[in-house]
Amino acid sequence: MLSRTADHLFWMSRYTERAENTARMLDVSYQMSLLPQSAPVAQMGWQGLLSICELLPLYKSKYQEVTAANVMRFMVSDESNPSSIISCLRSARENARAVRGSLTTELWETQNQTWLEAQRHIHAHNFLDDPAKLFEWVKFRSHLSRGVTIGTMLKDEARSFMRLGTYLERGDNTARLVDVKYKAIESDFFGEANGKDQEYDFYHWSAILRSVSAFEIYRKVYRDVIRPDRVAELLILRSDMPRSLHACMEEVVSNLSIVSDNLRSGTQHKAGKLLSELKFGQIEEIMDTGLHAFLTQYLDKVNVIGESISSDFLVAS
């Protein structure tokens, strides 16, 4: 396969997944903002989201104050922000158009229709009136694109590069989403008394789980009250949780084995090493090290793997 074609397929899927995960991060922040809290705490929540996405400097260059409405506009409809939902969906469609001949008709029509409807949903209506509805729509279109890919694309290298893009992005964003919450409450991770209301905290953890479609899964697996350490274990170490870091790296390693050869074993080695850390890791060890530090290291390693995939497969020599 031409490296240029692989590059477009990889980034088409990655941008689609990024739009979905941006919607998920905004959704959890929006749900948390509805809980009773002081204005400074609410502002810190939105600022934390921008920081974990590494977009705070860009945001401050355009907006004077961190408010819910401004962050929503910046992350949803601001086309000057390359990570906004509208920018991601546009980039996904442009990458799909560039390799139209490598896609099935159903997949191309899904990507194209998503972009056309996105402009109507975001620009023709005031999405701030009901942001949760928009976020659900973005997630649905991402699910649809992924389902059409699995149901219609030949199981060849093209599909493997698309899956690589999807799961690298998903692992990255799951780590960032978990970090948004845990970083904010690092000092009282295990529920130590510092004035926090347990019921208040329960809704925060519920919002995190619902944002990654894991609330019902948590109840099924643990059959107990929501505990922070178990939430971390579910979203990091459980291979049977579809959006966990472990599950994402399993997919990355599996698809790398399809497209790799002996000349590109270095990328497989890096991905396999990270998968082993997740496969044999224990939540107690992670908490002793520090969850924020662990997630930061994970994100750094995922970035290295992404750069290695790009240099090995996606950049024409």
C-alpha atoms as a PDB file:
ATOM      1  CA  MET A   1       0.000   0.000   0.000  1.00  0.00           C
ATOM      2  CA  LEU A   2       1.200   3.519  -0.782  1.00  0.00           C
ATOM      3  CA  SER A   3       2.319   5.343   2.348  1.00  0.00           C
ATOM      4  CA  ARG A   4       0.220   8.351   1.293  1.00  0.00           C
ATOM      5  CA  THR A   5      -2.924   6.210   1.178  1.00  0.00           C
ATOM      6  CA  ALA A   6      -2.124   4.619   4.541  1.00  0.00           C
ATOM      7  CA  ASP A   7      -1.595   8.100   6.006  1.00  0.00           C
ATOM      8  CA  HIS A   8      -5.031   9.325   4.881  1.00  0.00           C
ATOM      9  CA  LEU A   9      -6.782   6.199   6.178  1.00  0.00           C
ATOM     10  CA  PHE A  10      -4.948   6.407   9.506  1.00  0.00           C
ATOM     11  CA  TRP A  11      -5.848  10.055  10.059  1.00  0.00           C
ATOM     12  CA  MET A  12      -9.406   9.713   8.779  1.00  0.00           C
ATOM     13  CA  SER A  13     -10.124   7.237  11.562  1.00  0.00           C
ATOM     14  CA  ARG A  14      -8.086   9.154  14.113  1.00  0.00           C
ATOM     15  CA  TYR A  15      -9.936  12.410  13.512  1.00  0.00           C
ATOM     16  CA  THR A  16     -13.311  10.640  13.680  1.00  0.00           C
ATOM     17  CA  GLU A  17     -12.350   9.083  17.004  1.00  0.00           C
ATOM     18  CA  ARG A  18     -10.985  12.419  18.256  1.00  0.00           C
ATOM     19  CA  ALA A  19     -14.289  14.143  17.529  1.00  0.00           C
ATOM     20  CA  GLU A  20     -16.112  11.470  19.530  1.00  0.00           C
ATOM     21  CA  ASN A  21     -13.725  11.664  22.444  1.00  0.00           C
ATOM     22  CA  THR A  22     -13.805  15.451  22.493  1.00  0.00           C
ATOM     23  CA  ALA A  23     -17.583  15.156  22.749  1.00  0.00           C
ATOM     24  CA  ARG A  24     -17.151  12.686  25.615  1.00  0.00           C
ATOM     25  CA  MET A  25     -14.761  14.967  27.518  1.00  0.00           C
ATOM     26  CA  LEU A  26     -17.050  17.963  27.043  1.00  0.00           C
ATOM     27  CA  ASP A  27     -20.035  15.889  28.100  1.00  0.00           C
ATOM     28  CA  VAL A  28     -18.460  14.829  31.399  1.00  0.00           C
ATOM     29  CA  SER A  29     -17.369  18.411  32.124  1.00  0.00           C
ATOM     30  CA  TYR A  30     -20.844  19.670  31.282  1.00  0.00           C
ATOM     31  CA  GLN A  31     -22.475  17.100  33.577  1.00  0.00           C
ATOM     32  CA  MET A  32     -20.115  18.010  36.413  1.00  0.00           C
ATOM     33  CA  SER A  33     -20.821  21.723  35.905  1.00  0.00           C
ATOM     34  CA  LEU A  34     -24.500  21.073  36.651  1.00  0.00           C
ATOM     35  CA  LEU A  35     -23.667  19.932  40.194  1.00  0.00           C
ATOM     36  CA  PRO A  36     -23.792  22.485  43.044  1.00  0.00           C
ATOM     37  CA  GLN A  37     -20.358  24.123  43.251  1.00  0.00           C
ATOM     38  CA  SER A  38     -18.679  27.482  43.622  1.00  0.00           C
ATOM     39  CA  ALA A  39     -17.752  29.565  40.589  1.00  0.00           C
ATOM     40  CA  PRO A  40     -13.960  29.125  41.123  1.00  0.00           C
ATOM     41  CA  VAL A  41     -14.334  25.329  41.310  1.00  0.00           C
ATOM     42  CA  ALA A  42     -16.425  25.297  38.130  1.00  0.00           C
ATOM     43  CA  GLN A  43     -13.863  27.454  36.342  1.00  0.00           C
ATOM     44  CA  MET A  44     -11.042  25.139  37.435  1.00  0.00           C
ATOM     45  CA  GLY A  45     -12.946  22.209  35.939  1.00  0.00           C
ATOM     46  CA  TRP A  46     -13.173  23.827  32.509  1.00  0.00           C
ATOM     47  CA  GLN A  47      -9.587  25.061  32.696  1.00  0.00           C
ATOM     48  CA  GLY A  48      -8.461  21.538  33.590  1.00  0.00           C
ATOM     49  CA  LEU A  49     -10.106  20.214  30.431  1.00  0.00           C
ATOM     50  CA  LEU A  50      -8.208  22.738  28.305  1.00  0.00           C
ATOM     51  CA  SER A  51      -4.946  21.941  30.085  1.00  0.00           C
ATOM     52  CA  ILE A  52      -5.201  18.188  29.648  1.00  0.00           C
ATOM     53  CA  CYS A  53      -5.915  18.717  25.930  1.00  0.00           C
ATOM     54  CA  GLU A  54      -2.889  21.041  25.753  1.00  0.00           C
ATOM     55  CA  LEU A  55      -5.073  23.811  24.357  1.00  0.00           C
ATOM     56  CA  LEU A  56      -4.959  26.395  27.171  1.00  0.00           C
ATOM     57  CA  PRO A  57      -2.437  28.736  25.456  1.00  0.00           C
ATOM     58  CA  LEU A  58      -4.456  28.740  22.223  1.00  0.00           C
ATOM     59  CA  TYR A  59      -7.667  29.330  24.158  1.00  0.00           C
ATOM     60  CA  LYS A  60      -6.215  32.269  26.088  1.00  0.00           C
ATOM     61  CA  SER A  61      -5.039  33.859  22.861  1.00  0.00           C
ATOM     62  CA  LYS A  62      -8.702  34.130  21.815  1.00  0.00           C
ATOM     63  CA  TYR A  63     -10.702  34.428  25.032  1.00  0.00           C
ATOM     64  CA  GLN A  64     -10.059  36.569  28.081  1.00  0.00           C
ATOM     65  CA  GLU A  65     -11.969  34.426  30.572  1.00  0.00           C
ATOM     66  CA  VAL A  66     -12.495  30.687  31.059  1.00  0.00           C
ATOM     67  CA  THR A  67     -16.258  30.134  31.030  1.00  0.00           C
ATOM     68  CA  ALA A  68     -18.418  27.147  30.132  1.00  0.00           C
ATOM     69  CA  ALA A  69     -19.906  28.850  27.076  1.00  0.00           C
ATOM     70  CA  ASN A  70     -16.530  29.996  25.743  1.00  0.00           C
ATOM     71  CA  VAL A  71     -14.912  26.586  26.233  1.00  0.00           C
ATOM     72  CA  MET A  72     -17.884  24.924  24.512  1.00  0.00           C
ATOM     73  CA  ARG A  73     -17.610  27.220  21.502  1.00  0.00           C
ATOM     74  CA  PHE A  74     -13.833  26.786  21.366  1.00  0.00           C
ATOM     75  CA  MET A  75     -14.004  22.984  21.546  1.00  0.00           C
ATOM     76  CA  VAL A  76     -17.067  22.498  19.328  1.00  0.00           C
ATOM     77  CA  SER A  77     -17.465  25.157  16.647  1.00  0.00           C
ATOM     78  CA  ASP A  78     -14.179  27.111  16.522  1.00  0.00           C
ATOM     79  CA  GLU A  79     -12.580  26.164  13.189  1.00  0.00           C
ATOM     80  CA  SER A  80      -9.303  27.849  14.173  1.00  0.00           C
ATOM     81  CA  ASN A  81      -8.923  25.173  16.858  1.00  0.00           C
ATOM     82  CA  PRO A  82      -7.598  22.054  15.064  1.00  0.00           C
ATOM     83  CA  SER A  83      -8.956  19.826  17.839  1.00  0.00           C
ATOM     84  CA  SER A  84     -12.509  21.204  17.862  1.00  0.00           C
ATOM     85  CA  ILE A  85     -15.294  18.842  16.861  1.00  0.00           C
ATOM     86  CA  ILE A  86     -16.055  20.737  13.652  1.00  0.00           C
ATOM     87  CA  SER A  87     -12.352  20.771  12.664  1.00  0.00           C
ATOM     88  CA  CYS A  88     -11.946  17.055  13.373  1.00  0.00           C
ATOM     89  CA  LEU A  89     -15.002  16.099  11.327  1.00  0.00           C
ATOM     90  CA  ARG A  90     -13.843  18.293   8.447  1.00  0.00           C
ATOM     91  CA  SER A  91     -10.371  16.738   8.519  1.00  0.00           C
ATOM     92  CA  ALA A  92     -11.829  13.235   8.659  1.00  0.00           C
ATOM     93  CA  ARG A  93     -13.958  13.962   5.595  1.00  0.00           C
ATOM     94  CA  GLU A  94     -11.053  15.507   3.664  1.00  0.00           C
ATOM     95  CA  ASN A  95      -8.840  12.512   4.382  1.00  0.00           C
ATOM     96  CA  ALA A  96     -11.666  10.196   3.289  1.00  0.00           C
ATOM     97  CA  ARG A  97     -12.123  12.171   0.053  1.00  0.00           C
ATOM     98  CA  ALA A  98      -8.407  11.879  -0.724  1.00  0.00           C
ATOM     99  CA  VAL A  99      -8.638   8.052  -0.689  1.00  0.00           C
ATOM    100  CA  ARG A 100     -12.193   7.703  -1.976  1.00  0.00           C
ATOM    101  CA  GLY A 101     -11.159   4.759  -4.159  1.00  0.00           C
ATOM    102  CA  SER A 102      -9.895   2.795  -1.140  1.00  0.00           C
ATOM    103  CA  LEU A 103     -13.198   3.102   0.744  1.00  0.00           C
ATOM    104  CA  THR A 104     -16.472   1.303   0.220  1.00  0.00           C
ATOM    105  CA  THR A 105     -19.362   3.420  -1.012  1.00  0.00           C
ATOM    106  CA  GLU A 106     -21.150   2.993   2.330  1.00  0.00           C
ATOM    107  CA  LEU A 107     -18.156   4.242   4.316  1.00  0.00           C
ATOM    108  CA  TRP A 108     -17.554   7.260   2.074  1.00  0.00           C
ATOM    109  CA  GLU A 109     -21.238   8.237   2.227  1.00  0.00           C
ATOM    110  CA  THR A 110     -21.190   7.917   6.013  1.00  0.00           C
ATOM    111  CA  GLN A 111     -18.165  10.202   6.347  1.00  0.00           C
ATOM    112  CA  ASN A 112     -19.506  12.726   3.860  1.00  0.00           C
ATOM    113  CA  GLN A 113     -22.989  12.798   5.415  1.00  0.00           C
ATOM    114  CA  THR A 114     -21.502  13.276   8.872  1.00  0.00           C
ATOM    115  CA  TRP A 115     -19.656  16.380   7.700  1.00  0.00           C
ATOM    116  CA  LEU A 116     -22.722  17.832   5.953  1.00  0.00           C
ATOM    117  CA  GLU A 117     -24.954  17.248   8.970  1.00  0.00           C
ATOM    118  CA  ALA A 118     -22.301  18.569  11.364  1.00  0.00           C
ATOM    119  CA  GLN A 119     -22.340  21.965   9.705  1.00  0.00           C
ATOM    120  CA  ARG A 120     -26.103  22.118  10.078  1.00  0.00           C
ATOM    121  CA  HIS A 121     -26.122  20.938  13.690  1.00  0.00           C
ATOM    122  CA  ILE A 122     -23.335  23.252  14.842  1.00  0.00           C
ATOM    123  CA  HIS A 123     -23.789  26.378  12.729  1.00  0.00           C
ATOM    124  CA  ALA A 124     -27.512  26.474  11.971  1.00  0.00           C
ATOM    125  CA  HIS A 125     -28.620  25.975  15.581  1.00  0.00           C
ATOM    126  CA  ASN A 126     -27.420  27.218  18.940  1.00  0.00           C
ATOM    127  CA  PHE A 127     -25.958  23.983  20.293  1.00  0.00           C
ATOM    128  CA  LEU A 128     -25.464  25.631  23.705  1.00  0.00           C
ATOM    129  CA  ASP A 129     -29.210  25.329  24.246  1.00  0.00           C
ATOM    130  CA  ASP A 130     -28.807  21.558  24.497  1.00  0.00           C
ATOM    131  CA  PRO A 131     -25.128  20.559  24.263  1.00  0.00           C
ATOM    132  CA  ALA A 132     -25.778  17.019  25.511  1.00  0.00           C
ATOM    133  CA  LYS A 133     -27.907  16.347  22.415  1.00  0.00           C
ATOM    134  CA  LEU A 134     -25.058  17.413  20.125  1.00  0.00           C
ATOM    135  CA  PHE A 135     -22.557  15.262  22.004  1.00  0.00           C
ATOM    136  CA  GLU A 136     -24.803  12.224  21.641  1.00  0.00           C
ATOM    137  CA  TRP A 137     -25.113  12.895  17.913  1.00  0.00           C
ATOM    138  CA  VAL A 138     -21.324  13.080  17.502  1.00  0.00           C
ATOM    139  CA  LYS A 139     -20.901   9.798  19.374  1.00  0.00           C
ATOM    140  CA  PHE A 140     -23.610   8.147  17.258  1.00  0.00           C
ATOM    141  CA  ARG A 141     -21.975   9.208  13.983  1.00  0.00           C
ATOM    142  CA  SER A 142     -18.632   7.874  15.181  1.00  0.00           C
ATOM    143  CA  HIS A 143     -20.246   4.563  16.136  1.00  0.00           C
ATOM    144  CA  LEU A 144     -21.896   4.443  12.721  1.00  0.00           C
ATOM    145  CA  SER A 145     -18.625   5.082  10.888  1.00  0.00           C
ATOM    146  CA  ARG A 146     -16.859   2.385  12.888  1.00  0.00           C
ATOM    147  CA  GLY A 147     -19.667  -0.109  12.316  1.00  0.00           C
ATOM    148  CA  VAL A 148     -19.745   0.531   8.563  1.00  0.00           C
ATOM    149  CA  THR A 149     -15.962   0.089   8.463  1.00  0.00           C
ATOM    150  CA  ILE A 150     -16.133  -3.298  10.163  1.00  0.00           C
ATOM    151  CA  GLY A 151     -19.168  -4.398   8.179  1.00  0.00           C
ATOM    152  CA  THR A 152     -18.073  -3.400   4.664  1.00  0.00           C
ATOM    153  CA  MET A 153     -14.276  -3.020   4.427  1.00  0.00           C
ATOM    154  CA  LEU A 154     -12.054  -5.872   3.320  1.00  0.00           C
ATOM    155  CA  LYS A 155      -9.875  -7.210   6.137  1.00  0.00           C
ATOM    156  CA  ASP A 156      -6.652  -5.986   4.575  1.00  0.00           C
ATOM    157  CA  GLU A 157      -3.930  -3.455   5.343  1.00  0.00           C
ATOM    158  CA  ALA A 158      -6.266  -0.535   4.637  1.00  0.00           C
ATOM    159  CA  ARG A 159      -8.596  -1.558   7.439  1.00  0.00           C
ATOM    160  CA  SER A 160      -5.652  -2.229   9.752  1.00  0.00           C
ATOM    161  CA  PHE A 161      -4.323   1.313   9.323  1.00  0.00           C
ATOM    162  CA  MET A 162      -7.798   2.646  10.065  1.00  0.00           C
ATOM    163  CA  ARG A 163      -8.001   0.534  13.211  1.00  0.00           C
ATOM    164  CA  LEU A 164      -4.543   1.704  14.280  1.00  0.00           C
ATOM    165  CA  GLY A 165      -5.678   5.313  14.060  1.00  0.00           C
ATOM    166  CA  THR A 166      -8.869   4.586  15.983  1.00  0.00           C
ATOM    167  CA  TYR A 167      -7.277   2.777  18.913  1.00  0.00           C
ATOM    168  CA  LEU A 168      -4.223   4.999  19.295  1.00  0.00           C
ATOM    169  CA  GLU A 169      -6.555   7.987  19.537  1.00  0.00           C
ATOM    170  CA  ARG A 170      -8.971   6.192  21.860  1.00  0.00           C
ATOM    171  CA  GLY A 171      -6.236   5.161  24.282  1.00  0.00           C
ATOM    172  CA  ASP A 172      -4.821   8.686  24.293  1.00  0.00           C
ATOM    173  CA  ASN A 173      -8.196  10.251  24.987  1.00  0.00           C
ATOM    174  CA  THR A 174      -9.261   7.732  27.640  1.00  0.00           C
ATOM    175  CA  ALA A 175      -6.073   8.526  29.545  1.00  0.00           C
ATOM    176  CA  ARG A 176      -6.721  12.261  29.240  1.00  0.00           C
ATOM    177  CA  LEU A 177     -10.348  11.879  30.292  1.00  0.00           C
ATOM    178  CA  VAL A 178      -9.424   9.905  33.417  1.00  0.00           C
ATOM    179  CA  ASP A 179      -6.702  12.417  34.221  1.00  0.00           C
ATOM    180  CA  VAL A 180      -9.156  15.336  34.067  1.00  0.00           C
ATOM    181  CA  LYS A 181     -10.959  13.936  37.105  1.00  0.00           C
ATOM    182  CA  TYR A 182      -8.127  12.306  39.023  1.00  0.00           C
ATOM    183  CA  LYS A 183      -5.778  15.249  38.775  1.00  0.00           C
ATOM    184  CA  ALA A 184      -8.424  17.471  40.336  1.00  0.00           C
ATOM    185  CA  ILE A 185      -8.882  15.219  43.386  1.00  0.00           C
ATOM    186  CA  GLU A 186      -5.403  13.704  43.686  1.00  0.00           C
ATOM    187  CA  SER A 187      -5.045  14.840  47.283  1.00  0.00           C
ATOM    188  CA  ASP A 188      -8.113  12.898  48.450  1.00  0.00           C
ATOM    189  CA  PHE A 189      -8.070   9.990  46.009  1.00  0.00           C
ATOM    190  CA  PHE A 190      -9.183   7.363  48.494  1.00  0.00           C
ATOM    191  CA  GLY A 191     -11.957   9.444  49.985  1.00  0.00           C
ATOM    192  CA  GLU A 192      -9.956  10.956  52.830  1.00  0.00           C
ATOM    193  CA  ALA A 193     -11.904  13.525  54.769  1.00  0.00           C
ATOM    194  CA  ASN A 194     -11.350  17.027  53.502  1.00  0.00           C
ATOM    195  CA  GLY A 195     -14.879  18.380  53.423  1.00  0.00           C
ATOM    196  CA  LYS A 196     -16.070  16.634  50.264  1.00  0.00           C
ATOM    197  CA  ASP A 197     -19.556  15.211  50.239  1.00  0.00           C
ATOM    198  CA  GLN A 198     -19.625  11.505  49.319  1.00  0.00           C
ATOM    199  CA  GLU A 199     -22.855  11.851  47.383  1.00  0.00           C
ATOM    200  CA  TYR A 200     -21.402  14.798  45.466  1.00  0.00           C
ATOM    201  CA  ASP A 201     -18.331  12.734  44.607  1.00  0.00           C
ATOM    202  CA  PHE A 202     -20.476   9.773  43.545  1.00  0.00           C
ATOM    203  CA  TYR A 203     -22.035  11.866  40.774  1.00  0.00           C
ATOM    204  CA  HIS A 204     -18.594  12.872  39.552  1.00  0.00           C
ATOM    205  CA  TRP A 205     -17.472   9.241  39.257  1.00  0.00           C
ATOM    206  CA  SER A 206     -20.781   8.306  37.620  1.00  0.00           C
ATOM    207  CA  ALA A 207     -20.272  11.045  35.047  1.00  0.00           C
ATOM    208  CA  ILE A 208     -16.781   9.729  34.261  1.00  0.00           C
ATOM    209  CA  LEU A 209     -18.087   6.182  33.781  1.00  0.00           C
ATOM    210  CA  ARG A 210     -21.047   7.272  31.663  1.00  0.00           C
ATOM    211  CA  SER A 211     -18.783   9.388  29.464  1.00  0.00           C
ATOM    212  CA  VAL A 212     -16.952   6.226  28.346  1.00  0.00           C
ATOM    213  CA  SER A 213     -20.112   4.070  28.287  1.00  0.00           C
ATOM    214  CA  ALA A 214     -18.846   2.147  31.323  1.00  0.00           C
ATOM    215  CA  PHE A 215     -21.457   2.747  34.036  1.00  0.00           C
ATOM    216  CA  GLU A 216     -23.368  -0.488  33.390  1.00  0.00           C
ATOM    217  CA  ILE A 217     -20.094  -2.350  32.846  1.00  0.00           C
ATOM    218  CA  TYR A 218     -18.817  -1.176  36.238  1.00  0.00           C
ATOM    219  CA  ARG A 219     -21.966  -2.421  37.953  1.00  0.00           C
ATOM    220  CA  LYS A 220     -21.694  -5.774  36.199  1.00  0.00           C
ATOM    221  CA  VAL A 221     -18.004  -6.281  36.978  1.00  0.00           C
ATOM    222  CA  TYR A 222     -17.769  -5.003  40.554  1.00  0.00           C
ATOM    223  CA  ARG A 223     -21.353  -5.153  41.859  1.00  0.00           C
ATOM    224  CA  ASP A 224     -20.491  -2.558  44.491  1.00  0.00           C
ATOM    225  CA  VAL A 225     -20.496   1.155  45.168  1.00  0.00           C
ATOM    226  CA  ILE A 226     -18.365   3.258  42.843  1.00  0.00           C
ATOM    227  CA  ARG A 227     -14.821   3.467  44.187  1.00  0.00           C
ATOM    228  CA  PRO A 228     -12.079   5.588  42.617  1.00  0.00           C
ATOM    229  CA  ASP A 229      -9.471   2.807  42.586  1.00  0.00           C
ATOM    230  CA  ARG A 230     -11.864   0.431  40.832  1.00  0.00           C
ATOM    231  CA  VAL A 231     -12.792   3.081  38.264  1.00  0.00           C
ATOM    232  CA  ALA A 232      -9.074   3.462  37.536  1.00  0.00           C
ATOM    233  CA  GLU A 233      -8.613  -0.308  37.299  1.00  0.00           C
ATOM    234  CA  LEU A 234     -11.570  -0.652  34.917  1.00  0.00           C
ATOM    235  CA  LEU A 235     -10.433   2.116  32.572  1.00  0.00           C
ATOM    236  CA  ILE A 236      -6.739   1.266  32.628  1.00  0.00           C
ATOM    237  CA  LEU A 237      -6.079  -2.431  33.220  1.00  0.00           C
ATOM    238  CA  ARG A 238      -9.202  -4.406  32.246  1.00  0.00           C
ATOM    239  CA  SER A 239      -8.784  -5.897  28.792  1.00  0.00           C
ATOM    240  CA  ASP A 240     -12.519  -6.689  28.559  1.00  0.00           C
ATOM    241  CA  MET A 241     -13.470  -3.009  28.887  1.00  0.00           C
ATOM    242  CA  PRO A 242     -13.665  -1.736  25.253  1.00  0.00           C
ATOM    243  CA  ARG A 243     -12.293   1.753  25.939  1.00  0.00           C
ATOM    244  CA  SER A 244      -9.631   0.812  28.504  1.00  0.00           C
ATOM    245  CA  LEU A 245      -5.962   1.538  27.885  1.00  0.00           C
ATOM    246  CA  HIS A 246      -5.250  -2.207  27.931  1.00  0.00           C
ATOM    247  CA  ALA A 247      -7.904  -3.010  25.313  1.00  0.00           C
ATOM    248  CA  CYS A 248      -6.708  -0.184  23.053  1.00  0.00           C
ATOM    249  CA  MET A 249      -3.091  -1.328  23.136  1.00  0.00           C
ATOM    250  CA  GLU A 250      -4.131  -4.917  22.393  1.00  0.00           C
ATOM    251  CA  GLU A 251      -5.789  -3.660  19.197  1.00  0.00           C
ATOM    252  CA  VAL A 252      -2.762  -1.553  18.291  1.00  0.00           C
ATOM    253  CA  VAL A 253      -0.375  -4.502  18.688  1.00  0.00           C
ATOM    254  CA  SER A 254      -2.727  -6.836  16.800  1.00  0.00           C
ATOM    255  CA  ASN A 255      -3.032  -4.492  13.811  1.00  0.00           C
ATOM    256  CA  LEU A 256       0.679  -3.684  13.806  1.00  0.00           C
ATOM    257  CA  SER A 257       1.389  -7.398  13.387  1.00  0.00           C
ATOM    258  CA  ILE A 258      -0.665  -7.328  10.155  1.00  0.00           C
ATOM    259  CA  VAL A 259       1.067  -4.357   8.528  1.00  0.00           C
ATOM    260  CA  SER A 260       4.599  -4.800   9.913  1.00  0.00           C
ATOM    261  CA  ASP A 261       7.618  -6.608   8.551  1.00  0.00           C
ATOM    262  CA  ASN A 262      11.051  -7.352   9.958  1.00  0.00           C
ATOM    263  CA  LEU A 263      12.301  -3.921   8.927  1.00  0.00           C
ATOM    264  CA  ARG A 264       9.735  -2.243  11.171  1.00  0.00           C
ATOM    265  CA  SER A 265       9.949  -4.406  14.283  1.00  0.00           C
ATOM    266  CA  GLY A 266      10.955  -1.413  16.428  1.00  0.00           C
ATOM    267  CA  THR A 267       7.425  -0.030  16.407  1.00  0.00           C
ATOM    268  CA  GLN A 268       6.015  -3.418  17.398  1.00  0.00           C
ATOM    269  CA  HIS A 269       8.546  -3.646  20.212  1.00  0.00           C
ATOM    270  CA  LYS A 270       7.502  -0.302  21.675  1.00  0.00           C
ATOM    271  CA  ALA A 271       3.802  -1.139  21.449  1.00  0.00           C
ATOM    272  CA  GLY A 272       4.330  -4.647  22.836  1.00  0.00           C
ATOM    273  CA  LYS A 273       6.336  -3.315  25.768  1.00  0.00           C
ATOM    274  CA  LEU A 274       3.578  -0.866  26.689  1.00  0.00           C
ATOM    275  CA  LEU A 275       0.968  -3.626  26.348  1.00  0.00           C
ATOM    276  CA  SER A 276       2.980  -5.835  28.727  1.00  0.00           C
ATOM    277  CA  GLU A 277       3.043  -3.058  31.325  1.00  0.00           C
ATOM    278  CA  LEU A 278      -0.733  -2.826  31.152  1.00  0.00           C
ATOM    279  CA  LYS A 279      -1.269  -6.587  31.000  1.00  0.00           C
ATOM    280  CA  PHE A 280       0.775  -7.342  34.109  1.00  0.00           C
ATOM    281  CA  GLY A 281       0.240  -4.077  35.960  1.00  0.00           C
ATOM    282  CA  GLN A 282      -1.632  -3.845  39.261  1.00  0.00           C
ATOM    283  CA  ILE A 283      -3.736  -0.909  40.348  1.00  0.00           C
ATOM    284  CA  GLU A 284      -2.048  -0.807  43.778  1.00  0.00           C
ATOM    285  CA  GLU A 285       1.354  -0.324  42.157  1.00  0.00           C
ATOM    286  CA  ILE A 286      -0.020   2.376  39.879  1.00  0.00           C
ATOM    287  CA  MET A 287      -1.551   4.246  42.815  1.00  0.00           C
ATOM    288  CA  ASP A 288       1.679   4.000  44.806  1.00  0.00           C
ATOM    289  CA  THR A 289       3.568   5.494  41.874  1.00  0.00           C
ATOM    290  CA  GLY A 290       0.892   8.163  41.383  1.00  0.00           C
ATOM    291  CA  LEU A 291      -1.939   7.946  38.900  1.00  0.00           C
ATOM    292  CA  HIS A 292      -1.228  11.285  37.263  1.00  0.00           C
ATOM    293  CA  ALA A 293       2.430  10.318  36.760  1.00  0.00           C
ATOM    294  CA  PHE A 294       1.397   6.946  35.302  1.00  0.00           C
ATOM    295  CA  LEU A 295      -1.053   8.518  32.851  1.00  0.00           C
ATOM    296  CA  THR A 296       1.484  11.147  31.819  1.00  0.00           C
ATOM    297  CA  GLN A 297       4.047   8.430  31.096  1.00  0.00           C
ATOM    298  CA  TYR A 298       1.434   6.454  29.162  1.00  0.00           C
ATOM    299  CA  LEU A 299       0.591   9.474  27.007  1.00  0.00           C
ATOM    300  CA  ASP A 300       4.275  10.072  26.290  1.00  0.00           C
ATOM    301  CA  LYS A 301       4.711   6.452  25.201  1.00  0.00           C
ATOM    302  CA  VAL A 302       1.598   6.558  23.005  1.00  0.00           C
ATOM    303  CA  ASN A 303       2.952   9.688  21.319  1.00  0.00           C
ATOM    304  CA  VAL A 304       6.259   7.916  20.663  1.00  0.00           C
ATOM    305  CA  ILE A 305       4.421   4.930  19.170  1.00  0.00           C
ATOM    306  CA  GLY A 306       2.349   7.269  16.991  1.00  0.00           C
ATOM    307  CA  GLU A 307       5.491   9.015  15.744  1.00  0.00           C
ATOM    308  CA  SER A 308       7.123   5.653  15.086  1.00  0.00           C
ATOM    309  CA  ILE A 309       4.111   4.453  13.070  1.00  0.00           C
ATOM    310  CA  SER A 310       4.231   7.674  11.092  1.00  0.00           C
ATOM    311  CA  SER A 311       7.934   7.380  10.275  1.00  0.00           C
ATOM    312  CA  ASP A 312       7.754   3.661   9.474  1.00  0.00           C
ATOM    313  CA  PHE A 313       4.558   3.474   7.473  1.00  0.00           C
ATOM    314  CA  LEU A 314       2.991   6.831   6.700  1.00  0.00           C
ATOM    315  CA  VAL A 315       5.803   9.057   5.439  1.00  0.00           C
ATOM    316  CA  ALA A 316       6.952   8.433   1.889  1.00  0.00           C
ATOM    317  CA  SER A 317      10.678   7.736   1.695  1.00  0.00           C
END
